[in-house]
Amino acid sequence: MNGSLPTASLLASLTSANGWVTLWLARIACVALVVIAAVTFIDVIGRYFFQAPFPFTVELTQLAMAIVVYFGVGLVTHEDGHINADVVTLRLSPRWRALLALLTNLLALGFLAVMAWCLWVQANFLLAKGDTTMVWTVPLWPFAFAVAFGSLFLLTGVVIQLLHAWARFRGVEPEPAPAEPTALRLTE
């Protein structure tokens, strides 16, 4: 047991740091979502009452939505808040549930590592090519790098889930209680 203390301490530190960063990224995602809602609202008012819509609403929505998704998904992964269908797994023993969590997180890690790598490759391609939006002529590469950066925290969240599953499988960590529905917390 004493041999696992540094590992548990490291895992706790990694979990804490990841939680802090993903919370701040989720806050940025919330701001982006508010901007999308405000610009869309003003655009609709301008379009129907003044015949003067914003020409950039669609592009701003597309770019900001990428930020919303990739900056928000890290917190959901960190909190293990993805939808789970546990009808079958609840009937398994805790050790089998831990093994299943270990395998699924290992598969997810492989898939997400490839996805994150592809996002970084795409961001570098957009930087080199210099693509911009058609109407607003905003460079695409900063948003592509932001998406790639956000994907890293999706990846770290899966690594943390994998390490927790490994600890549960080895019997070092107790199985978590069934999750109760929680709202996104923006304070801490």
C-alpha atoms as a PDB file:
ATOM      1  CA  MET A   1       0.000   0.000   0.000  1.00  0.00           C
ATOM      2  CA  ASN A   2       2.797   2.448   0.842  1.00  0.00           C
ATOM      3  CA  GLY A   3       4.198   2.011  -2.654  1.00  0.00           C
ATOM      4  CA  SER A   4       0.995   3.440  -4.093  1.00  0.00           C
ATOM      5  CA  LEU A   5       1.040   6.661  -2.052  1.00  0.00           C
ATOM      6  CA  PRO A   6       3.216   8.707  -4.443  1.00  0.00           C
ATOM      7  CA  THR A   7       1.072   7.491  -7.337  1.00  0.00           C
ATOM      8  CA  ALA A   8      -2.133   8.440  -5.482  1.00  0.00           C
ATOM      9  CA  SER A   9      -0.656  11.832  -4.628  1.00  0.00           C
ATOM     10  CA  LEU A  10       0.412  12.405  -8.224  1.00  0.00           C
ATOM     11  CA  LEU A  11      -3.020  11.351  -9.479  1.00  0.00           C
ATOM     12  CA  ALA A  12      -4.698  13.704  -6.994  1.00  0.00           C
ATOM     13  CA  SER A  13      -2.457  16.585  -8.121  1.00  0.00           C
ATOM     14  CA  LEU A  14      -3.083  15.848 -11.792  1.00  0.00           C
ATOM     15  CA  THR A  15      -6.822  15.601 -11.165  1.00  0.00           C
ATOM     16  CA  SER A  16      -6.847  18.890  -9.279  1.00  0.00           C
ATOM     17  CA  ALA A  17      -4.834  20.751 -11.935  1.00  0.00           C
ATOM     18  CA  ASN A  18      -6.929  19.306 -14.751  1.00  0.00           C
ATOM     19  CA  GLY A  19     -10.117  20.272 -12.920  1.00  0.00           C
ATOM     20  CA  TRP A  20      -8.925  23.840 -12.453  1.00  0.00           C
ATOM     21  CA  VAL A  21      -7.907  24.290 -16.113  1.00  0.00           C
ATOM     22  CA  THR A  22     -11.037  22.639 -17.506  1.00  0.00           C
ATOM     23  CA  LEU A  23     -13.220  24.792 -15.268  1.00  0.00           C
ATOM     24  CA  TRP A  24     -11.603  27.937 -16.664  1.00  0.00           C
ATOM     25  CA  LEU A  25     -11.915  26.648 -20.218  1.00  0.00           C
ATOM     26  CA  ALA A  26     -15.607  25.940 -19.577  1.00  0.00           C
ATOM     27  CA  ARG A  27     -16.026  29.500 -18.350  1.00  0.00           C
ATOM     28  CA  ILE A  28     -14.521  30.763 -21.598  1.00  0.00           C
ATOM     29  CA  ALA A  29     -16.920  28.458 -23.454  1.00  0.00           C
ATOM     30  CA  CYS A  30     -19.804  30.023 -21.529  1.00  0.00           C
ATOM     31  CA  VAL A  31     -18.698  33.494 -22.578  1.00  0.00           C
ATOM     32  CA  ALA A  32     -18.513  32.314 -26.201  1.00  0.00           C
ATOM     33  CA  LEU A  33     -22.035  30.918 -25.901  1.00  0.00           C
ATOM     34  CA  VAL A  34     -23.310  34.225 -24.514  1.00  0.00           C
ATOM     35  CA  VAL A  35     -21.649  36.042 -27.422  1.00  0.00           C
ATOM     36  CA  ILE A  36     -23.346  33.672 -29.887  1.00  0.00           C
ATOM     37  CA  ALA A  37     -26.740  34.261 -28.253  1.00  0.00           C
ATOM     38  CA  ALA A  38     -26.309  38.055 -28.083  1.00  0.00           C
ATOM     39  CA  VAL A  39     -25.082  38.435 -31.665  1.00  0.00           C
ATOM     40  CA  THR A  40     -27.842  36.167 -32.970  1.00  0.00           C
ATOM     41  CA  PHE A  41     -30.478  38.112 -31.019  1.00  0.00           C
ATOM     42  CA  ILE A  42     -29.202  41.469 -32.283  1.00  0.00           C
ATOM     43  CA  ASP A  43     -28.919  40.055 -35.805  1.00  0.00           C
ATOM     44  CA  VAL A  44     -32.554  38.945 -35.771  1.00  0.00           C
ATOM     45  CA  ILE A  45     -33.692  42.347 -34.481  1.00  0.00           C
ATOM     46  CA  GLY A  46     -31.595  44.091 -37.128  1.00  0.00           C
ATOM     47  CA  ARG A  47     -32.822  41.785 -39.877  1.00  0.00           C
ATOM     48  CA  TYR A  48     -36.560  41.998 -39.196  1.00  0.00           C
ATOM     49  CA  PHE A  49     -36.991  45.520 -37.829  1.00  0.00           C
ATOM     50  CA  PHE A  50     -34.264  47.534 -39.564  1.00  0.00           C
ATOM     51  CA  GLN A  51     -33.447  45.387 -42.623  1.00  0.00           C
ATOM     52  CA  ALA A  52     -29.799  45.567 -41.505  1.00  0.00           C
ATOM     53  CA  PRO A  53     -28.518  42.166 -40.317  1.00  0.00           C
ATOM     54  CA  PHE A  54     -24.934  41.512 -39.370  1.00  0.00           C
ATOM     55  CA  PRO A  55     -23.077  39.980 -42.317  1.00  0.00           C
ATOM     56  CA  PHE A  56     -20.767  37.973 -40.023  1.00  0.00           C
ATOM     57  CA  THR A  57     -23.280  36.225 -37.738  1.00  0.00           C
ATOM     58  CA  VAL A  58     -22.943  32.787 -39.336  1.00  0.00           C
ATOM     59  CA  GLU A  59     -19.144  32.884 -39.309  1.00  0.00           C
ATOM     60  CA  LEU A  60     -18.971  34.130 -35.726  1.00  0.00           C
ATOM     61  CA  THR A  61     -21.396  31.402 -34.653  1.00  0.00           C
ATOM     62  CA  GLN A  62     -19.353  28.707 -36.392  1.00  0.00           C
ATOM     63  CA  LEU A  63     -16.059  29.840 -34.888  1.00  0.00           C
ATOM     64  CA  ALA A  64     -17.449  30.403 -31.400  1.00  0.00           C
ATOM     65  CA  MET A  65     -19.291  27.069 -31.439  1.00  0.00           C
ATOM     66  CA  ALA A  66     -15.975  25.277 -31.966  1.00  0.00           C
ATOM     67  CA  ILE A  67     -14.699  27.022 -28.834  1.00  0.00           C
ATOM     68  CA  VAL A  68     -17.872  26.114 -26.922  1.00  0.00           C
ATOM     69  CA  VAL A  69     -17.573  22.430 -27.799  1.00  0.00           C
ATOM     70  CA  TYR A  70     -13.846  21.892 -27.331  1.00  0.00           C
ATOM     71  CA  PHE A  71     -13.457  24.120 -24.282  1.00  0.00           C
ATOM     72  CA  GLY A  72     -16.518  22.595 -22.607  1.00  0.00           C
ATOM     73  CA  VAL A  73     -15.932  18.907 -23.253  1.00  0.00           C
ATOM     74  CA  GLY A  74     -12.821  18.804 -21.065  1.00  0.00           C
ATOM     75  CA  LEU A  75     -14.830  19.636 -17.936  1.00  0.00           C
ATOM     76  CA  VAL A  76     -17.507  17.098 -18.823  1.00  0.00           C
ATOM     77  CA  THR A  77     -14.815  14.436 -19.224  1.00  0.00           C
ATOM     78  CA  HIS A  78     -13.010  15.522 -16.068  1.00  0.00           C
ATOM     79  CA  GLU A  79     -16.217  15.163 -14.051  1.00  0.00           C
ATOM     80  CA  ASP A  80     -17.089  11.907 -15.828  1.00  0.00           C
ATOM     81  CA  GLY A  81     -20.301  13.598 -16.891  1.00  0.00           C
ATOM     82  CA  HIS A  82     -20.822  11.886 -20.212  1.00  0.00           C
ATOM     83  CA  ILE A  83     -24.018   9.914 -20.667  1.00  0.00           C
ATOM     84  CA  ASN A  84     -23.636   6.335 -19.456  1.00  0.00           C
ATOM     85  CA  ALA A  85     -26.046   3.506 -20.080  1.00  0.00           C
ATOM     86  CA  ASP A  86     -25.327   1.439 -16.991  1.00  0.00           C
ATOM     87  CA  VAL A  87     -28.245  -1.008 -17.125  1.00  0.00           C
ATOM     88  CA  VAL A  88     -25.898  -3.946 -17.694  1.00  0.00           C
ATOM     89  CA  THR A  89     -22.770  -2.723 -15.934  1.00  0.00           C
ATOM     90  CA  LEU A  90     -24.516  -2.169 -12.596  1.00  0.00           C
ATOM     91  CA  ARG A  91     -25.137  -5.922 -12.486  1.00  0.00           C
ATOM     92  CA  LEU A  92     -21.403  -6.625 -12.718  1.00  0.00           C
ATOM     93  CA  SER A  93     -19.089  -6.890  -9.740  1.00  0.00           C
ATOM     94  CA  PRO A  94     -17.002  -3.797  -8.890  1.00  0.00           C
ATOM     95  CA  ARG A  95     -13.870  -5.479 -10.272  1.00  0.00           C
ATOM     96  CA  TRP A  96     -15.555  -6.247 -13.605  1.00  0.00           C
ATOM     97  CA  ARG A  97     -16.905  -2.678 -13.791  1.00  0.00           C
ATOM     98  CA  ALA A  98     -13.376  -1.405 -13.183  1.00  0.00           C
ATOM     99  CA  LEU A  99     -12.025  -3.688 -15.910  1.00  0.00           C
ATOM    100  CA  LEU A 100     -14.712  -2.503 -18.330  1.00  0.00           C
ATOM    101  CA  ALA A 101     -13.929   1.139 -17.457  1.00  0.00           C
ATOM    102  CA  LEU A 102     -10.243   0.404 -17.977  1.00  0.00           C
ATOM    103  CA  LEU A 103     -10.847  -1.075 -21.434  1.00  0.00           C
ATOM    104  CA  THR A 104     -13.282   1.600 -22.617  1.00  0.00           C
ATOM    105  CA  ASN A 105     -11.031   4.418 -21.403  1.00  0.00           C
ATOM    106  CA  LEU A 106      -8.050   2.786 -23.091  1.00  0.00           C
ATOM    107  CA  LEU A 107      -9.974   2.624 -26.386  1.00  0.00           C
ATOM    108  CA  ALA A 108     -11.167   6.206 -25.945  1.00  0.00           C
ATOM    109  CA  LEU A 109      -7.598   7.327 -25.214  1.00  0.00           C
ATOM    110  CA  GLY A 110      -6.359   5.764 -28.448  1.00  0.00           C
ATOM    111  CA  PHE A 111      -9.123   7.337 -30.519  1.00  0.00           C
ATOM    112  CA  LEU A 112      -8.819  10.747 -28.870  1.00  0.00           C
ATOM    113  CA  ALA A 113      -5.020  10.776 -29.191  1.00  0.00           C
ATOM    114  CA  VAL A 114      -5.392  10.338 -32.949  1.00  0.00           C
ATOM    115  CA  MET A 115      -8.118  12.999 -33.041  1.00  0.00           C
ATOM    116  CA  ALA A 116      -6.017  15.492 -31.044  1.00  0.00           C
ATOM    117  CA  TRP A 117      -3.014  14.856 -33.262  1.00  0.00           C
ATOM    118  CA  CYS A 118      -5.170  15.449 -36.386  1.00  0.00           C
ATOM    119  CA  LEU A 119      -6.479  18.704 -34.904  1.00  0.00           C
ATOM    120  CA  TRP A 120      -2.923  19.957 -34.363  1.00  0.00           C
ATOM    121  CA  VAL A 121      -1.974  18.932 -37.907  1.00  0.00           C
ATOM    122  CA  GLN A 122      -5.033  20.766 -39.273  1.00  0.00           C
ATOM    123  CA  ALA A 123      -4.229  23.876 -37.204  1.00  0.00           C
ATOM    124  CA  ASN A 124      -0.668  23.937 -38.570  1.00  0.00           C
ATOM    125  CA  PHE A 125      -2.025  23.462 -42.103  1.00  0.00           C
ATOM    126  CA  LEU A 126      -4.408  26.414 -41.691  1.00  0.00           C
ATOM    127  CA  LEU A 127      -1.587  28.533 -40.287  1.00  0.00           C
ATOM    128  CA  ALA A 128       0.659  27.748 -43.252  1.00  0.00           C
ATOM    129  CA  LYS A 129      -2.107  28.200 -45.806  1.00  0.00           C
ATOM    130  CA  GLY A 130      -3.473  31.398 -44.273  1.00  0.00           C
ATOM    131  CA  ASP A 131      -7.161  30.594 -44.758  1.00  0.00           C
ATOM    132  CA  THR A 132      -9.690  33.152 -43.580  1.00  0.00           C
ATOM    133  CA  THR A 133     -13.455  33.285 -43.286  1.00  0.00           C
ATOM    134  CA  MET A 134     -15.191  34.391 -46.474  1.00  0.00           C
ATOM    135  CA  VAL A 135     -17.157  37.422 -45.229  1.00  0.00           C
ATOM    136  CA  TRP A 136     -15.347  38.578 -42.135  1.00  0.00           C
ATOM    137  CA  THR A 137     -11.849  37.586 -43.385  1.00  0.00           C
ATOM    138  CA  VAL A 138     -10.783  36.429 -39.919  1.00  0.00           C
ATOM    139  CA  PRO A 139      -7.874  33.946 -39.958  1.00  0.00           C
ATOM    140  CA  LEU A 140      -8.994  30.411 -39.138  1.00  0.00           C
ATOM    141  CA  TRP A 141      -5.744  29.213 -37.597  1.00  0.00           C
ATOM    142  CA  PRO A 142      -6.189  30.805 -34.126  1.00  0.00           C
ATOM    143  CA  PHE A 143      -9.508  29.015 -33.741  1.00  0.00           C
ATOM    144  CA  ALA A 144      -8.018  25.775 -35.016  1.00  0.00           C
ATOM    145  CA  PHE A 145      -5.213  26.002 -32.450  1.00  0.00           C
ATOM    146  CA  ALA A 146      -7.773  26.816 -29.731  1.00  0.00           C
ATOM    147  CA  VAL A 147      -9.748  23.693 -30.684  1.00  0.00           C
ATOM    148  CA  ALA A 148      -6.563  21.593 -30.668  1.00  0.00           C
ATOM    149  CA  PHE A 149      -5.638  23.044 -27.265  1.00  0.00           C
ATOM    150  CA  GLY A 150      -9.089  22.232 -25.889  1.00  0.00           C
ATOM    151  CA  SER A 151      -8.799  18.674 -27.185  1.00  0.00           C
ATOM    152  CA  LEU A 152      -5.732  18.169 -24.967  1.00  0.00           C
ATOM    153  CA  PHE A 153      -7.925  18.513 -21.895  1.00  0.00           C
ATOM    154  CA  LEU A 154     -10.402  16.030 -23.272  1.00  0.00           C
ATOM    155  CA  LEU A 155      -7.394  13.740 -23.589  1.00  0.00           C
ATOM    156  CA  THR A 156      -6.099  14.449 -20.074  1.00  0.00           C
ATOM    157  CA  GLY A 157      -9.582  13.835 -18.694  1.00  0.00           C
ATOM    158  CA  VAL A 158      -9.600  10.390 -20.276  1.00  0.00           C
ATOM    159  CA  VAL A 159      -6.094   9.696 -18.931  1.00  0.00           C
ATOM    160  CA  ILE A 160      -7.317  10.583 -15.432  1.00  0.00           C
ATOM    161  CA  GLN A 161     -10.381   8.352 -15.837  1.00  0.00           C
ATOM    162  CA  LEU A 162      -8.094   5.570 -17.051  1.00  0.00           C
ATOM    163  CA  LEU A 163      -5.789   5.936 -14.038  1.00  0.00           C
ATOM    164  CA  HIS A 164      -8.746   5.931 -11.653  1.00  0.00           C
ATOM    165  CA  ALA A 165     -10.116   2.801 -13.351  1.00  0.00           C
ATOM    166  CA  TRP A 166      -6.699   1.151 -12.997  1.00  0.00           C
ATOM    167  CA  ALA A 167      -6.602   2.030  -9.289  1.00  0.00           C
ATOM    168  CA  ARG A 168     -10.112   0.611  -8.813  1.00  0.00           C
ATOM    169  CA  PHE A 169      -9.172  -2.538 -10.723  1.00  0.00           C
ATOM    170  CA  ARG A 170      -6.133  -3.049  -8.468  1.00  0.00           C
ATOM    171  CA  GLY A 171      -8.280  -2.411  -5.387  1.00  0.00           C
ATOM    172  CA  VAL A 172      -6.295   0.659  -4.338  1.00  0.00           C
ATOM    173  CA  GLU A 173      -9.220   3.042  -4.820  1.00  0.00           C
ATOM    174  CA  PRO A 174     -12.867   2.442  -3.871  1.00  0.00           C
ATOM    175  CA  GLU A 175     -15.550   2.461  -6.511  1.00  0.00           C
ATOM    176  CA  PRO A 176     -17.261   5.863  -6.772  1.00  0.00           C
ATOM    177  CA  ALA A 177     -20.871   6.181  -5.701  1.00  0.00           C
ATOM    178  CA  PRO A 178     -23.388   6.381  -8.551  1.00  0.00           C
ATOM    179  CA  ALA A 179     -23.377   9.894  -9.917  1.00  0.00           C
ATOM    180  CA  GLU A 180     -26.269  12.201  -9.243  1.00  0.00           C
ATOM    181  CA  PRO A 181     -27.299  14.771 -11.833  1.00  0.00           C
ATOM    182  CA  THR A 182     -25.332  17.956 -11.344  1.00  0.00           C
ATOM    183  CA  ALA A 183     -25.449  21.368 -12.950  1.00  0.00           C
ATOM    184  CA  LEU A 184     -22.396  22.957 -14.488  1.00  0.00           C
ATOM    185  CA  ARG A 185     -20.603  24.703 -11.695  1.00  0.00           C
ATOM    186  CA  LEU A 186     -18.927  27.951 -12.558  1.00  0.00           C
ATOM    187  CA  THR A 187     -17.699  28.847  -9.112  1.00  0.00           C
ATOM    188  CA  GLU A 188     -14.841  27.364  -7.137  1.00  0.00           C
END
